[in-house]
């Protein structure tokens, strides 16, 4: 059986997207891992399927590159939003359900292949801290550590060690190394759980970095620009001083349809 797909990327985070409203694609973990493999498949940091919504415009199902189900992906959600725009689903403002809840997105600009997309993330209710690190959930768990220069960090080695430190993080964690450029600008590199490697960008990681930069270093700043290896992201939020609660978290940045095609499930 042949299945249609589209490949999208957002600041270098790349994804396979499948319109599964007819239910023809079975999201088997091994099949997804094979599709995301950069040597034997299409190649991607993750895969998303689109199904009908119940009270929302549609539903997003996110899967990591290793085939495991994921709770949320910020840049994936932005690519998913552009995908829905190209499919003619919803208006300029859209809503979709994901494992971590309902999200609202805005298409700031879009054409036949590219767009500037803003997506809302879940509220942060709790921030844990250790010796030089912070831990929070922005849709998925994130460890945040400030460094003098992201260019000198061994992201693969240190990221893998922290991600697999199950004594501290029983569910594993994404790992963000953050450099503060100035009061509203950050640089970030991320080791992603489920990809098990460094990625060119991480949307929920950018949100985590911005929240912790506000919480620990720059309490007057509520909008941050985050430079990642794949491009530039923007995070804005509302924070009540003296609390760990962050609401109205918005992630913005570019998204692009790279190509479309079909694959035969018999080949996987």
C-alpha atoms as a PDB file:
ATOM      1  CA  UNK A   1       0.000   0.000   0.000  1.00  0.00           C
ATOM      2  CA  UNK A   2       1.366   3.403  -0.993  1.00  0.00           C
ATOM      3  CA  UNK A   3       1.142   6.231   1.517  1.00  0.00           C
ATOM      4  CA  UNK A   4       1.512   9.925   0.735  1.00  0.00           C
ATOM      5  CA  UNK A   5       3.765  12.028   2.965  1.00  0.00           C
ATOM      6  CA  UNK A   6       5.295  15.477   3.122  1.00  0.00           C
ATOM      7  CA  UNK A   7       8.657  16.483   4.577  1.00  0.00           C
ATOM      8  CA  UNK A   8       8.746  19.762   6.543  1.00  0.00           C
ATOM      9  CA  UNK A   9      11.410  21.536   8.563  1.00  0.00           C
ATOM     10  CA  UNK A  10      11.334  24.268  11.168  1.00  0.00           C
ATOM     11  CA  UNK A  11      14.702  25.898  11.991  1.00  0.00           C
ATOM     12  CA  UNK A  12      16.402  22.687  10.921  1.00  0.00           C
ATOM     13  CA  UNK A  13      14.152  20.328  12.917  1.00  0.00           C
ATOM     14  CA  UNK A  14      12.777  18.047  10.191  1.00  0.00           C
ATOM     15  CA  UNK A  15       9.651  15.917  10.205  1.00  0.00           C
ATOM     16  CA  UNK A  16       7.608  13.481   8.140  1.00  0.00           C
ATOM     17  CA  UNK A  17       3.917  14.419   8.042  1.00  0.00           C
ATOM     18  CA  UNK A  18       1.067  12.122   7.029  1.00  0.00           C
ATOM     19  CA  UNK A  19      -2.591  13.025   6.566  1.00  0.00           C
ATOM     20  CA  UNK A  20      -4.172  10.027   8.282  1.00  0.00           C
ATOM     21  CA  UNK A  21      -7.794  11.142   8.383  1.00  0.00           C
ATOM     22  CA  UNK A  22      -8.732   8.056   6.345  1.00  0.00           C
ATOM     23  CA  UNK A  23      -6.818   5.807   8.751  1.00  0.00           C
ATOM     24  CA  UNK A  24      -4.675   4.090   6.145  1.00  0.00           C
ATOM     25  CA  UNK A  25      -1.333   4.469   7.942  1.00  0.00           C
ATOM     26  CA  UNK A  26      -0.650   2.230  10.951  1.00  0.00           C
ATOM     27  CA  UNK A  27       1.874   4.011  13.243  1.00  0.00           C
ATOM     28  CA  UNK A  28       3.966   0.966  14.106  1.00  0.00           C
ATOM     29  CA  UNK A  29       7.129   1.933  16.093  1.00  0.00           C
ATOM     30  CA  UNK A  30       9.489  -0.090  13.899  1.00  0.00           C
ATOM     31  CA  UNK A  31       7.960   1.360  10.738  1.00  0.00           C
ATOM     32  CA  UNK A  32       8.280   4.901  12.067  1.00  0.00           C
ATOM     33  CA  UNK A  33      11.897   4.339  13.095  1.00  0.00           C
ATOM     34  CA  UNK A  34      12.645   2.986   9.623  1.00  0.00           C
ATOM     35  CA  UNK A  35      11.014   5.984   7.922  1.00  0.00           C
ATOM     36  CA  UNK A  36      12.974   8.409  10.124  1.00  0.00           C
ATOM     37  CA  UNK A  37      16.274   6.617   9.505  1.00  0.00           C
ATOM     38  CA  UNK A  38      18.563   8.874   7.453  1.00  0.00           C
ATOM     39  CA  UNK A  39      20.196   5.978   5.610  1.00  0.00           C
ATOM     40  CA  UNK A  40      17.372   3.476   5.052  1.00  0.00           C
ATOM     41  CA  UNK A  41      14.326   5.748   5.114  1.00  0.00           C
ATOM     42  CA  UNK A  42      13.216   9.285   4.378  1.00  0.00           C
ATOM     43  CA  UNK A  43      15.129  10.748   7.297  1.00  0.00           C
ATOM     44  CA  UNK A  44      13.666  12.948  10.034  1.00  0.00           C
ATOM     45  CA  UNK A  45      13.819  13.970  13.687  1.00  0.00           C
ATOM     46  CA  UNK A  46      10.250  12.726  14.090  1.00  0.00           C
ATOM     47  CA  UNK A  47       6.984  11.802  12.399  1.00  0.00           C
ATOM     48  CA  UNK A  48       3.493  13.239  12.826  1.00  0.00           C
ATOM     49  CA  UNK A  49       0.116  12.001  11.699  1.00  0.00           C
ATOM     50  CA  UNK A  50      -2.965  14.174  11.332  1.00  0.00           C
ATOM     51  CA  UNK A  51      -6.397  12.865  12.256  1.00  0.00           C
ATOM     52  CA  UNK A  52      -9.799  14.492  12.729  1.00  0.00           C
ATOM     53  CA  UNK A  53     -10.370  16.671  15.755  1.00  0.00           C
ATOM     54  CA  UNK A  54     -13.086  16.623  18.398  1.00  0.00           C
ATOM     55  CA  UNK A  55     -13.802  20.237  19.143  1.00  0.00           C
ATOM     56  CA  UNK A  56     -10.497  21.260  17.551  1.00  0.00           C
ATOM     57  CA  UNK A  57      -9.608  21.629  13.883  1.00  0.00           C
ATOM     58  CA  UNK A  58      -7.604  18.380  13.992  1.00  0.00           C
ATOM     59  CA  UNK A  59      -5.387  16.158  16.130  1.00  0.00           C
ATOM     60  CA  UNK A  60      -1.605  15.837  16.004  1.00  0.00           C
ATOM     61  CA  UNK A  61       0.042  12.524  16.904  1.00  0.00           C
ATOM     62  CA  UNK A  62       3.786  12.878  17.408  1.00  0.00           C
ATOM     63  CA  UNK A  63       6.367  10.072  17.248  1.00  0.00           C
ATOM     64  CA  UNK A  64      10.085  10.340  17.985  1.00  0.00           C
ATOM     65  CA  UNK A  65      12.697   9.214  15.473  1.00  0.00           C
ATOM     66  CA  UNK A  66      13.181   5.983  17.425  1.00  0.00           C
ATOM     67  CA  UNK A  67       9.492   5.135  16.919  1.00  0.00           C
ATOM     68  CA  UNK A  68       8.368   5.911  20.456  1.00  0.00           C
ATOM     69  CA  UNK A  69       5.300   8.055  21.040  1.00  0.00           C
ATOM     70  CA  UNK A  70       6.099  11.621  22.060  1.00  0.00           C
ATOM     71  CA  UNK A  71       4.049  14.033  24.135  1.00  0.00           C
ATOM     72  CA  UNK A  72       4.795  17.215  22.205  1.00  0.00           C
ATOM     73  CA  UNK A  73       7.283  18.864  19.849  1.00  0.00           C
ATOM     74  CA  UNK A  74       7.325  22.646  19.493  1.00  0.00           C
ATOM     75  CA  UNK A  75       8.919  22.930  16.064  1.00  0.00           C
ATOM     76  CA  UNK A  76       6.976  19.866  14.986  1.00  0.00           C
ATOM     77  CA  UNK A  77       3.781  21.636  16.002  1.00  0.00           C
ATOM     78  CA  UNK A  78       4.751  24.641  13.921  1.00  0.00           C
ATOM     79  CA  UNK A  79       5.415  22.413  10.901  1.00  0.00           C
ATOM     80  CA  UNK A  80       2.168  20.586  11.590  1.00  0.00           C
ATOM     81  CA  UNK A  81       0.333  23.932  11.556  1.00  0.00           C
ATOM     82  CA  UNK A  82       1.790  24.839   8.167  1.00  0.00           C
ATOM     83  CA  UNK A  83       0.857  21.341   6.945  1.00  0.00           C
ATOM     84  CA  UNK A  84      -2.761  21.948   7.985  1.00  0.00           C
ATOM     85  CA  UNK A  85      -2.662  25.316   6.220  1.00  0.00           C
ATOM     86  CA  UNK A  86      -1.505  23.617   3.012  1.00  0.00           C
ATOM     87  CA  UNK A  87      -4.312  21.079   3.412  1.00  0.00           C
ATOM     88  CA  UNK A  88      -6.884  23.870   3.825  1.00  0.00           C
ATOM     89  CA  UNK A  89      -7.777  22.938   7.412  1.00  0.00           C
ATOM     90  CA  UNK A  90      -8.937  25.770   9.679  1.00  0.00           C
ATOM     91  CA  UNK A  91      -8.316  29.469   9.296  1.00  0.00           C
ATOM     92  CA  UNK A  92      -5.453  31.790  10.113  1.00  0.00           C
ATOM     93  CA  UNK A  93      -5.926  30.843  13.759  1.00  0.00           C
ATOM     94  CA  UNK A  94      -6.092  27.097  14.320  1.00  0.00           C
ATOM     95  CA  UNK A  95      -6.534  24.672  17.174  1.00  0.00           C
ATOM     96  CA  UNK A  96      -5.286  21.119  17.458  1.00  0.00           C
ATOM     97  CA  UNK A  97      -5.097  18.446  20.122  1.00  0.00           C
ATOM     98  CA  UNK A  98      -1.893  16.673  21.116  1.00  0.00           C
ATOM     99  CA  UNK A  99      -0.999  14.248  23.883  1.00  0.00           C
ATOM    100  CA  UNK A 100      -0.238  17.099  26.295  1.00  0.00           C
ATOM    101  CA  UNK A 101      -3.501  18.950  25.586  1.00  0.00           C
ATOM    102  CA  UNK A 102      -5.065  21.456  23.204  1.00  0.00           C
ATOM    103  CA  UNK A 103      -2.930  24.024  21.429  1.00  0.00           C
ATOM    104  CA  UNK A 104      -3.701  27.181  19.498  1.00  0.00           C
ATOM    105  CA  UNK A 105      -1.578  28.286  16.562  1.00  0.00           C
ATOM    106  CA  UNK A 106      -1.445  31.347  14.336  1.00  0.00           C
ATOM    107  CA  UNK A 107      -0.283  31.438  10.728  1.00  0.00           C
ATOM    108  CA  UNK A 108       1.534  34.774  10.648  1.00  0.00           C
ATOM    109  CA  UNK A 109       2.491  34.342   6.998  1.00  0.00           C
ATOM    110  CA  UNK A 110       2.306  31.467   4.531  1.00  0.00           C
ATOM    111  CA  UNK A 111       2.705  30.677   0.861  1.00  0.00           C
ATOM    112  CA  UNK A 112       2.805  27.424  -1.094  1.00  0.00           C
ATOM    113  CA  UNK A 113       5.946  26.202   0.650  1.00  0.00           C
ATOM    114  CA  UNK A 114       6.966  28.411   3.599  1.00  0.00           C
ATOM    115  CA  UNK A 115       5.429  30.131   6.566  1.00  0.00           C
ATOM    116  CA  UNK A 116       5.997  32.041   9.775  1.00  0.00           C
ATOM    117  CA  UNK A 117       4.145  30.103  12.445  1.00  0.00           C
ATOM    118  CA  UNK A 118       3.366  30.810  16.100  1.00  0.00           C
ATOM    119  CA  UNK A 119       2.173  28.029  18.383  1.00  0.00           C
ATOM    120  CA  UNK A 120       1.080  28.029  22.002  1.00  0.00           C
ATOM    121  CA  UNK A 121       2.670  25.623  24.474  1.00  0.00           C
ATOM    122  CA  UNK A 122       1.390  24.344  27.809  1.00  0.00           C
ATOM    123  CA  UNK A 123       1.818  26.351  30.998  1.00  0.00           C
ATOM    124  CA  UNK A 124       4.823  25.702  33.209  1.00  0.00           C
ATOM    125  CA  UNK A 125       3.690  25.005  36.757  1.00  0.00           C
ATOM    126  CA  UNK A 126       6.880  23.805  38.423  1.00  0.00           C
ATOM    127  CA  UNK A 127      10.633  24.342  38.151  1.00  0.00           C
ATOM    128  CA  UNK A 128      13.118  22.082  39.928  1.00  0.00           C
ATOM    129  CA  UNK A 129      16.713  23.157  40.488  1.00  0.00           C
ATOM    130  CA  UNK A 130      20.022  21.484  41.263  1.00  0.00           C
ATOM    131  CA  UNK A 131      23.663  22.487  41.341  1.00  0.00           C
ATOM    132  CA  UNK A 132      23.918  24.649  38.220  1.00  0.00           C
ATOM    133  CA  UNK A 133      20.898  23.173  36.442  1.00  0.00           C
ATOM    134  CA  UNK A 134      17.107  23.491  36.220  1.00  0.00           C
ATOM    135  CA  UNK A 135      14.410  21.017  35.209  1.00  0.00           C
ATOM    136  CA  UNK A 136      10.916  21.742  33.886  1.00  0.00           C
ATOM    137  CA  UNK A 137       8.259  20.492  31.487  1.00  0.00           C
ATOM    138  CA  UNK A 138       7.247  22.598  28.464  1.00  0.00           C
ATOM    139  CA  UNK A 139       5.328  19.743  26.835  1.00  0.00           C
ATOM    140  CA  UNK A 140       8.222  17.333  27.319  1.00  0.00           C
ATOM    141  CA  UNK A 141      10.841  17.296  30.116  1.00  0.00           C
ATOM    142  CA  UNK A 142      13.873  19.553  29.769  1.00  0.00           C
ATOM    143  CA  UNK A 143      17.133  19.917  31.677  1.00  0.00           C
ATOM    144  CA  UNK A 144      18.632  23.417  31.268  1.00  0.00           C
ATOM    145  CA  UNK A 145      22.227  24.359  32.025  1.00  0.00           C
ATOM    146  CA  UNK A 146      23.904  27.713  31.381  1.00  0.00           C
ATOM    147  CA  UNK A 147      27.320  27.575  29.709  1.00  0.00           C
ATOM    148  CA  UNK A 148      29.914  30.203  28.815  1.00  0.00           C
ATOM    149  CA  UNK A 149      29.847  29.262  25.117  1.00  0.00           C
ATOM    150  CA  UNK A 150      27.658  26.681  23.398  1.00  0.00           C
ATOM    151  CA  UNK A 151      30.302  26.216  20.683  1.00  0.00           C
ATOM    152  CA  UNK A 152      32.652  24.476  23.119  1.00  0.00           C
ATOM    153  CA  UNK A 153      30.150  22.049  24.692  1.00  0.00           C
ATOM    154  CA  UNK A 154      30.407  18.332  23.905  1.00  0.00           C
ATOM    155  CA  UNK A 155      26.650  18.068  23.439  1.00  0.00           C
ATOM    156  CA  UNK A 156      26.662  14.441  22.345  1.00  0.00           C
ATOM    157  CA  UNK A 157      28.670  13.077  25.277  1.00  0.00           C
ATOM    158  CA  UNK A 158      27.334  15.262  28.074  1.00  0.00           C
ATOM    159  CA  UNK A 159      23.813  15.289  26.675  1.00  0.00           C
ATOM    160  CA  UNK A 160      23.671  11.501  26.504  1.00  0.00           C
ATOM    161  CA  UNK A 161      24.966  11.166  30.072  1.00  0.00           C
ATOM    162  CA  UNK A 162      22.371  13.562  31.479  1.00  0.00           C
ATOM    163  CA  UNK A 163      19.530  12.209  29.326  1.00  0.00           C
ATOM    164  CA  UNK A 164      20.209   8.721  30.733  1.00  0.00           C
ATOM    165  CA  UNK A 165      20.632   9.808  34.353  1.00  0.00           C
ATOM    166  CA  UNK A 166      17.524   7.936  35.437  1.00  0.00           C
ATOM    167  CA  UNK A 167      18.273   8.446  39.124  1.00  0.00           C
ATOM    168  CA  UNK A 168      17.524  12.152  38.697  1.00  0.00           C
ATOM    169  CA  UNK A 169      15.209  11.926  35.681  1.00  0.00           C
ATOM    170  CA  UNK A 170      13.293   8.604  35.715  1.00  0.00           C
ATOM    171  CA  UNK A 171      11.552   9.310  32.381  1.00  0.00           C
ATOM    172  CA  UNK A 172      14.707  10.598  30.742  1.00  0.00           C
ATOM    173  CA  UNK A 173      15.015  14.195  29.622  1.00  0.00           C
ATOM    174  CA  UNK A 174      15.945  16.483  26.780  1.00  0.00           C
ATOM    175  CA  UNK A 175      19.133  18.414  27.553  1.00  0.00           C
ATOM    176  CA  UNK A 176      19.609  22.100  26.702  1.00  0.00           C
ATOM    177  CA  UNK A 177      22.924  23.957  26.959  1.00  0.00           C
ATOM    178  CA  UNK A 178      22.234  27.692  26.966  1.00  0.00           C
ATOM    179  CA  UNK A 179      24.514  30.676  26.474  1.00  0.00           C
ATOM    180  CA  UNK A 180      23.217  34.108  27.508  1.00  0.00           C
ATOM    181  CA  UNK A 181      24.204  36.642  24.849  1.00  0.00           C
ATOM    182  CA  UNK A 182      22.375  39.581  26.438  1.00  0.00           C
ATOM    183  CA  UNK A 183      19.208  40.313  28.392  1.00  0.00           C
ATOM    184  CA  UNK A 184      16.892  39.113  25.607  1.00  0.00           C
ATOM    185  CA  UNK A 185      19.072  36.900  23.385  1.00  0.00           C
ATOM    186  CA  UNK A 186      20.220  33.310  23.930  1.00  0.00           C
ATOM    187  CA  UNK A 187      22.142  30.631  22.089  1.00  0.00           C
ATOM    188  CA  UNK A 188      21.143  27.021  22.600  1.00  0.00           C
ATOM    189  CA  UNK A 189      22.178  23.506  21.629  1.00  0.00           C
ATOM    190  CA  UNK A 190      20.029  20.488  22.483  1.00  0.00           C
ATOM    191  CA  UNK A 191      20.399  16.747  22.892  1.00  0.00           C
ATOM    192  CA  UNK A 192      16.942  15.310  22.183  1.00  0.00           C
ATOM    193  CA  UNK A 193      15.462  12.294  23.891  1.00  0.00           C
ATOM    194  CA  UNK A 194      13.907   9.979  21.291  1.00  0.00           C
ATOM    195  CA  UNK A 195      16.281  11.192  18.589  1.00  0.00           C
ATOM    196  CA  UNK A 196      19.229  10.295  20.859  1.00  0.00           C
ATOM    197  CA  UNK A 197      21.421  12.891  19.230  1.00  0.00           C
ATOM    198  CA  UNK A 198      21.914  16.618  18.925  1.00  0.00           C
ATOM    199  CA  UNK A 199      19.321  18.279  16.698  1.00  0.00           C
ATOM    200  CA  UNK A 200      19.537  21.570  14.830  1.00  0.00           C
ATOM    201  CA  UNK A 201      16.703  23.050  16.886  1.00  0.00           C
ATOM    202  CA  UNK A 202      14.208  22.210  19.617  1.00  0.00           C
ATOM    203  CA  UNK A 203      11.072  24.282  20.098  1.00  0.00           C
ATOM    204  CA  UNK A 204      10.087  23.065  23.555  1.00  0.00           C
ATOM    205  CA  UNK A 205      13.769  23.416  24.455  1.00  0.00           C
ATOM    206  CA  UNK A 206      13.777  27.035  23.301  1.00  0.00           C
ATOM    207  CA  UNK A 207      10.745  27.642  25.519  1.00  0.00           C
ATOM    208  CA  UNK A 208      12.491  25.951  28.454  1.00  0.00           C
ATOM    209  CA  UNK A 209      15.635  28.025  27.907  1.00  0.00           C
ATOM    210  CA  UNK A 210      13.650  31.273  27.779  1.00  0.00           C
ATOM    211  CA  UNK A 211      11.670  30.458  30.914  1.00  0.00           C
ATOM    212  CA  UNK A 212      14.801  29.602  32.899  1.00  0.00           C
ATOM    213  CA  UNK A 213      16.669  32.655  31.580  1.00  0.00           C
ATOM    214  CA  UNK A 214      13.814  34.773  32.950  1.00  0.00           C
ATOM    215  CA  UNK A 215      13.491  32.784  36.163  1.00  0.00           C
ATOM    216  CA  UNK A 216      17.191  32.693  37.066  1.00  0.00           C
ATOM    217  CA  UNK A 217      18.894  35.588  35.275  1.00  0.00           C
ATOM    218  CA  UNK A 218      16.667  38.211  33.597  1.00  0.00           C
ATOM    219  CA  UNK A 219      13.326  38.562  35.421  1.00  0.00           C
ATOM    220  CA  UNK A 220      12.375  41.720  33.496  1.00  0.00           C
ATOM    221  CA  UNK A 221      12.511  40.013  30.082  1.00  0.00           C
ATOM    222  CA  UNK A 222       9.393  38.255  28.804  1.00  0.00           C
ATOM    223  CA  UNK A 223      10.437  37.811  25.158  1.00  0.00           C
ATOM    224  CA  UNK A 224      13.628  36.071  24.058  1.00  0.00           C
ATOM    225  CA  UNK A 225      15.322  35.440  20.735  1.00  0.00           C
ATOM    226  CA  UNK A 226      16.996  32.034  20.712  1.00  0.00           C
ATOM    227  CA  UNK A 227      19.746  31.242  18.205  1.00  0.00           C
ATOM    228  CA  UNK A 228      19.944  27.517  17.465  1.00  0.00           C
ATOM    229  CA  UNK A 229      22.199  25.775  14.924  1.00  0.00           C
ATOM    230  CA  UNK A 230      19.309  25.634  12.436  1.00  0.00           C
ATOM    231  CA  UNK A 231      18.072  29.208  12.699  1.00  0.00           C
ATOM    232  CA  UNK A 232      16.297  31.672  14.980  1.00  0.00           C
ATOM    233  CA  UNK A 233      13.285  31.146  17.248  1.00  0.00           C
ATOM    234  CA  UNK A 234      11.274  33.544  19.390  1.00  0.00           C
ATOM    235  CA  UNK A 235       9.628  32.756  22.722  1.00  0.00           C
ATOM    236  CA  UNK A 236       7.270  35.041  24.644  1.00  0.00           C
ATOM    237  CA  UNK A 237       5.327  34.386  27.851  1.00  0.00           C
ATOM    238  CA  UNK A 238       3.633  35.854  30.900  1.00  0.00           C
ATOM    239  CA  UNK A 239       5.131  35.326  34.352  1.00  0.00           C
ATOM    240  CA  UNK A 240       3.802  36.293  37.770  1.00  0.00           C
ATOM    241  CA  UNK A 241       6.845  37.444  39.771  1.00  0.00           C
ATOM    242  CA  UNK A 242       7.651  35.342  42.804  1.00  0.00           C
ATOM    243  CA  UNK A 243       6.066  32.203  41.352  1.00  0.00           C
ATOM    244  CA  UNK A 244       7.163  29.289  39.167  1.00  0.00           C
ATOM    245  CA  UNK A 245       4.102  29.647  36.941  1.00  0.00           C
ATOM    246  CA  UNK A 246       4.528  30.697  33.307  1.00  0.00           C
ATOM    247  CA  UNK A 247       1.478  31.102  31.084  1.00  0.00           C
ATOM    248  CA  UNK A 248       0.759  32.210  27.516  1.00  0.00           C
ATOM    249  CA  UNK A 249       3.988  30.647  26.238  1.00  0.00           C
ATOM    250  CA  UNK A 250       4.270  31.287  22.485  1.00  0.00           C
ATOM    251  CA  UNK A 251       6.890  29.819  20.167  1.00  0.00           C
ATOM    252  CA  UNK A 252       7.427  31.525  16.799  1.00  0.00           C
ATOM    253  CA  UNK A 253       9.668  30.884  13.825  1.00  0.00           C
ATOM    254  CA  UNK A 254       9.919  29.727  10.229  1.00  0.00           C
ATOM    255  CA  UNK A 255       8.574  26.493   8.773  1.00  0.00           C
ATOM    256  CA  UNK A 256       9.007  25.082   5.272  1.00  0.00           C
ATOM    257  CA  UNK A 257       7.699  22.244   3.147  1.00  0.00           C
ATOM    258  CA  UNK A 258      10.791  20.578   1.714  1.00  0.00           C
ATOM    259  CA  UNK A 259       9.240  17.955  -0.571  1.00  0.00           C
ATOM    260  CA  UNK A 260       6.387  15.476  -0.969  1.00  0.00           C
ATOM    261  CA  UNK A 261       6.297  11.856  -2.038  1.00  0.00           C
ATOM    262  CA  UNK A 262       4.909   8.391  -1.391  1.00  0.00           C
ATOM    263  CA  UNK A 263       6.311   5.254   0.165  1.00  0.00           C
ATOM    264  CA  UNK A 264       5.236   1.628   0.074  1.00  0.00           C
ATOM    265  CA  UNK A 265       4.697   0.091   3.512  1.00  0.00           C
ATOM    266  CA  UNK A 266       5.765  -3.265   2.048  1.00  0.00           C
ATOM    267  CA  UNK A 267       9.284  -1.859   1.692  1.00  0.00           C
ATOM    268  CA  UNK A 268       9.596  -1.056   5.399  1.00  0.00           C
END
